[in-house]
Amino acid sequence: LAGLVGLSSYVVLADTLAAEASPANRDVPILMCHGTRDPMVGHSRGKASMEALRTAGFQVDWHEYPMQHEVVMEEIQLVGEFLGAVLRG
């Protein structure tokens, strides 16, 4: 994988993350973005997932926006930059 993008998301089984993580994927860059007012996937759940990933040794670039369960242009631009960077290698 060149990279992972998680928008308004969370790690479903965070308690098994460390045991199930493969060393082959430790260096895969991860971009996570989340709205601070998301009523569907709470901001705290997304942030806890980011922290679980970092604790497990993954590099996570975390961004949050004052929005609900949606996307904003700033976020779309960031995703485009991230994908461009990881695909260029």
Protein backbone atom coordinates (compact mmCIF):
# COMPACT_ATOMS: atom_id res chain seq x y z
CA LEU A 1 0.00 0.00 0.00
CA ALA A 2 1.18 3.49 -0.79
CA GLY A 3 -0.93 5.05 1.96
CA LEU A 4 -4.25 4.98 3.80
CA VAL A 5 -6.89 7.69 4.06
CA GLY A 6 -9.55 7.60 6.78
CA LEU A 7 -12.25 10.26 6.69
CA SER A 8 -14.60 10.44 9.68
CA SER A 9 -13.61 6.90 10.56
CA TYR A 10 -12.42 4.77 13.45
CA VAL A 11 -10.57 1.53 14.14
CA VAL A 12 -13.26 -1.08 14.77
CA LEU A 13 -11.21 -3.48 16.92
CA ALA A 14 -8.65 -1.15 18.46
CA ASP A 15 -7.97 -3.58 21.33
CA THR A 16 -6.61 -6.19 18.87
CA LEU A 17 -4.72 -3.71 16.67
CA ALA A 18 -1.27 -4.27 18.16
CA ALA A 19 -1.53 -8.08 18.01
CA GLU A 20 -2.87 -8.15 14.46
CA ALA A 21 -0.67 -5.44 12.92
CA SER A 22 1.87 -6.65 10.41
CA PRO A 23 5.42 -5.26 10.58
CA ALA A 24 5.32 -5.07 6.77
CA ASN A 25 2.77 -2.23 7.04
CA ARG A 26 4.35 -0.18 9.85
CA ASP A 27 5.71 2.45 7.48
CA VAL A 28 2.53 2.97 5.45
CA PRO A 29 1.58 6.64 5.85
CA ILE A 30 -1.91 7.23 7.23
CA LEU A 31 -3.99 10.37 6.84
CA MET A 32 -6.97 10.70 9.16
CA CYS A 33 -9.44 13.60 9.07
CA HIS A 34 -12.43 14.07 11.34
CA GLY A 35 -15.09 16.64 12.10
CA THR A 36 -15.18 17.98 15.64
CA ARG A 37 -19.00 18.04 15.52
CA ASP A 38 -19.60 14.69 13.82
CA PRO A 39 -22.88 13.20 15.16
CA MET A 40 -22.45 9.85 13.34
CA VAL A 41 -18.88 8.90 14.25
CA GLY A 42 -17.98 10.91 17.30
CA HIS A 43 -14.82 12.99 17.22
CA SER A 44 -13.58 11.27 20.38
CA ARG A 45 -13.89 7.87 18.69
CA GLY A 46 -11.85 9.02 15.70
CA LYS A 47 -9.22 10.65 17.88
CA ALA A 48 -8.95 7.54 20.09
CA SER A 49 -8.39 5.49 16.95
CA MET A 50 -5.60 7.81 15.83
CA GLU A 51 -3.99 7.47 19.25
CA ALA A 52 -4.32 3.66 19.14
CA LEU A 53 -2.64 3.59 15.74
CA ARG A 54 0.20 5.81 16.95
CA THR A 55 0.63 3.69 20.08
CA ALA A 56 0.87 0.61 17.82
CA GLY A 57 3.73 2.30 15.96
CA PHE A 58 1.96 3.71 12.91
CA GLN A 59 2.64 7.19 11.56
CA VAL A 60 -0.66 9.06 11.47
CA ASP A 61 -1.16 12.55 10.09
CA TRP A 62 -4.28 13.77 11.97
CA HIS A 63 -6.43 16.73 10.94
CA GLU A 64 -9.71 17.89 12.41
CA TYR A 65 -12.22 20.38 11.10
CA PRO A 66 -15.16 22.28 12.64
CA MET A 67 -17.74 20.23 10.73
CA GLN A 68 -20.17 17.36 11.09
CA HIS A 69 -20.06 14.05 9.12
CA GLU A 70 -19.12 15.72 5.84
CA VAL A 71 -16.15 16.96 3.83
CA VAL A 72 -14.91 20.48 3.25
CA MET A 73 -12.74 21.81 0.42
CA GLU A 74 -9.69 22.18 2.69
CA GLU A 75 -9.95 18.48 3.53
CA ILE A 76 -10.38 17.48 -0.12
CA GLN A 77 -7.28 19.48 -1.04
CA LEU A 78 -5.30 17.82 1.77
CA VAL A 79 -6.35 14.36 0.58
CA GLY A 80 -5.26 15.27 -2.96
CA GLU A 81 -1.86 16.44 -1.72
CA PHE A 82 -1.44 13.33 0.43
CA LEU A 83 -2.33 10.97 -2.44
CA GLY A 84 -0.05 12.84 -4.81
CA ALA A 85 2.85 12.60 -2.36
CA VAL A 86 2.44 8.90 -1.53
CA LEU A 87 1.87 7.85 -5.14
CA ARG A 88 4.99 9.68 -6.31
CA GLY A 89 6.84 7.70 -3.66
